[in-house]
Structure formats: structure tokens, C-alpha cells
Amino acid sequence: MADLSDPGVEALLGEEIVSLAATTFVATFAGVRLGRERARNEVDKELRRRFGKPRGTDAHHAYDAVVLQIVLTWERAQVAARAHSGVLIMLPDGSRLLSSTNVADDLRALL
């Protein structure tokens, strides 16, 4: 388990994963068209923007684990998929999800 003395890690790990995946999806793929690529580091940037830069090895590992869980959630819902070199591709349901008025509920429905 990560060092929970880092307030960013504590806040990040306290988030409900589907809601976090939904808001991160919108931030990562806003303005991206169907089938287009998005660098995976955009997910990292969004989490750092919201929860701060991880400090220490445990914090970095915690952030990496959450990023992977977010991407796996997207893949399970078939809104985005990993391609070569860590690039993320938006899928058709992802395009529809971006126009949703309740992204978290709609992502849950796709799961």
C-alpha cells in the first residue's frame, strides 16, 4: 500500500473508480475524434492536475496502479483501448460518452 501520508495519494485512492474514470475520460478525450489517438501520459497529467504530483516511490506506484485501473475500466466499457506504445484510441461508445450529460452513470451502464 502507498504511503498515505501523501494527501494527494490519500485523495486519489479515496475516489470511486468509475466516477474517476468518467471524469478522467472526459478530460483526456475532450476534442478527440473517433478512432484518434491520445497519449497515455494525458491520463497522468490529469491525475496530477487534480491530485498533485506523487512524491516518493510508493506514491508513484499508487498513481500508476490507478491509471491502469482507469484504462482497464475504459477497455471493459469499450470506450477506449490501448494500442501500440501506450497510445489510447477512442472507440465508438467513447465518442457517444463524451456527449453524455451524466458521464459516470453512462459509463456504469456500459460496464
Protein backbone atom coordinates (compact mmCIF):
# COMPACT_ATOMS: atom_id res chain seq x y z
CA MET A 1 0.00 0.00 0.00
CA ALA A 2 1.19 3.50 -0.76
CA ASP A 3 2.32 5.94 1.88
CA LEU A 4 -0.99 7.51 2.79
CA SER A 5 0.73 10.45 4.46
CA ASP A 6 0.79 11.97 0.95
CA PRO A 7 -2.54 13.86 0.79
CA GLY A 8 -2.72 13.50 -3.00
CA VAL A 9 -2.40 9.72 -2.80
CA GLU A 10 -4.94 9.58 0.01
CA ALA A 11 -7.43 11.63 -2.03
CA LEU A 12 -6.74 9.66 -5.21
CA LEU A 13 -7.25 6.29 -3.51
CA GLY A 14 -10.42 7.58 -1.87
CA GLU A 15 -12.10 8.24 -5.22
CA GLU A 16 -14.73 5.84 -6.54
CA ILE A 17 -13.05 4.34 -9.62
CA VAL A 18 -15.93 4.55 -12.13
CA SER A 19 -16.59 8.21 -11.33
CA LEU A 20 -12.87 8.91 -11.52
CA ALA A 21 -12.62 7.02 -14.82
CA ALA A 22 -15.57 9.00 -16.20
CA THR A 23 -14.22 12.44 -15.33
CA THR A 24 -10.73 11.47 -16.44
CA PHE A 25 -12.11 10.13 -19.73
CA VAL A 26 -13.75 13.47 -20.50
CA ALA A 27 -10.61 15.42 -19.58
CA THR A 28 -8.38 13.09 -21.59
CA PHE A 29 -10.50 12.76 -24.73
CA ALA A 30 -12.22 16.15 -24.97
CA GLY A 31 -11.83 17.35 -28.54
CA VAL A 32 -10.55 13.96 -29.77
CA ARG A 33 -12.41 12.36 -32.66
CA LEU A 34 -13.47 8.76 -33.03
CA GLY A 35 -10.55 6.43 -33.70
CA ARG A 36 -7.97 9.09 -32.97
CA GLU A 37 -5.06 8.55 -30.64
CA ARG A 38 -4.36 10.07 -27.28
CA ALA A 39 -1.10 9.64 -25.42
CA ARG A 40 -1.46 7.68 -22.20
CA ASN A 41 0.50 10.35 -20.36
CA GLU A 42 -2.55 12.61 -20.73
CA VAL A 43 -4.19 10.46 -18.03
CA ASP A 44 -1.17 11.01 -15.78
CA LYS A 45 -1.32 14.76 -16.41
CA GLU A 46 -5.00 14.89 -15.48
CA LEU A 47 -4.47 12.98 -12.23
CA ARG A 48 -1.52 15.19 -11.33
CA ARG A 49 -3.59 18.26 -12.06
CA ARG A 50 -6.34 17.04 -9.73
CA PHE A 51 -4.37 15.26 -7.00
CA GLY A 52 -0.89 16.76 -7.16
CA LYS A 53 2.42 15.29 -8.18
CA PRO A 54 3.15 11.98 -6.45
CA ARG A 55 6.09 12.19 -4.06
CA GLY A 56 8.08 9.07 -3.33
CA THR A 57 8.21 5.63 -4.85
CA ASP A 58 5.04 4.35 -3.17
CA ALA A 59 3.08 7.38 -4.38
CA HIS A 60 4.29 6.88 -7.97
CA HIS A 61 3.31 3.22 -7.84
CA ALA A 62 -0.12 4.13 -6.45
CA TYR A 63 -0.70 6.65 -9.26
CA ASP A 64 0.43 4.11 -11.87
CA ALA A 65 -1.92 1.49 -10.43
CA VAL A 66 -4.87 3.88 -10.54
CA VAL A 67 -4.06 4.91 -14.12
CA LEU A 68 -4.02 1.25 -15.14
CA GLN A 69 -7.34 0.65 -13.36
CA ILE A 70 -8.86 3.64 -15.17
CA VAL A 71 -7.66 2.38 -18.56
CA LEU A 72 -8.92 -1.13 -17.79
CA THR A 73 -12.31 0.37 -16.89
CA TRP A 74 -12.38 2.18 -20.24
CA GLU A 75 -11.45 -1.00 -22.06
CA ARG A 76 -14.05 -3.05 -20.21
CA ALA A 77 -16.71 -0.46 -21.14
CA GLN A 78 -15.31 -0.39 -24.69
CA VAL A 79 -14.94 3.39 -24.76
CA ALA A 80 -11.16 3.37 -25.31
CA ALA A 81 -8.45 0.79 -25.89
CA ARG A 82 -4.69 0.58 -25.61
CA ALA A 83 -2.85 0.36 -28.88
CA HIS A 84 0.85 0.29 -29.66
CA SER A 85 3.33 2.15 -27.47
CA GLY A 86 0.80 3.02 -24.78
CA VAL A 87 -1.33 5.08 -27.13
CA LEU A 88 -5.04 5.16 -26.32
CA ILE A 89 -7.65 5.02 -29.07
CA MET A 90 -11.19 6.33 -28.60
CA LEU A 91 -13.84 3.79 -29.62
CA PRO A 92 -17.40 4.47 -30.87
CA ASP A 93 -19.03 4.23 -27.44
CA GLY A 94 -16.39 6.66 -26.19
CA SER A 95 -17.46 9.18 -28.76
CA ARG A 96 -21.04 8.87 -27.52
CA LEU A 97 -19.89 9.05 -23.89
CA LEU A 98 -18.24 12.42 -24.50
CA SER A 99 -21.63 13.93 -25.38
CA SER A 100 -23.32 12.46 -22.31
CA THR A 101 -24.93 14.67 -19.69
CA ASN A 102 -24.11 12.12 -16.96
CA VAL A 103 -20.82 10.51 -17.93
CA ALA A 104 -20.38 8.47 -14.74
CA ASP A 105 -23.85 6.88 -14.96
CA ASP A 106 -23.46 6.20 -18.67
CA LEU A 107 -20.03 4.65 -18.14
CA ARG A 108 -21.51 2.42 -15.42
CA ALA A 109 -24.24 1.33 -17.84
CA LEU A 110 -21.60 0.30 -20.38
CA LEU A 111 -19.87 -1.85 -17.79
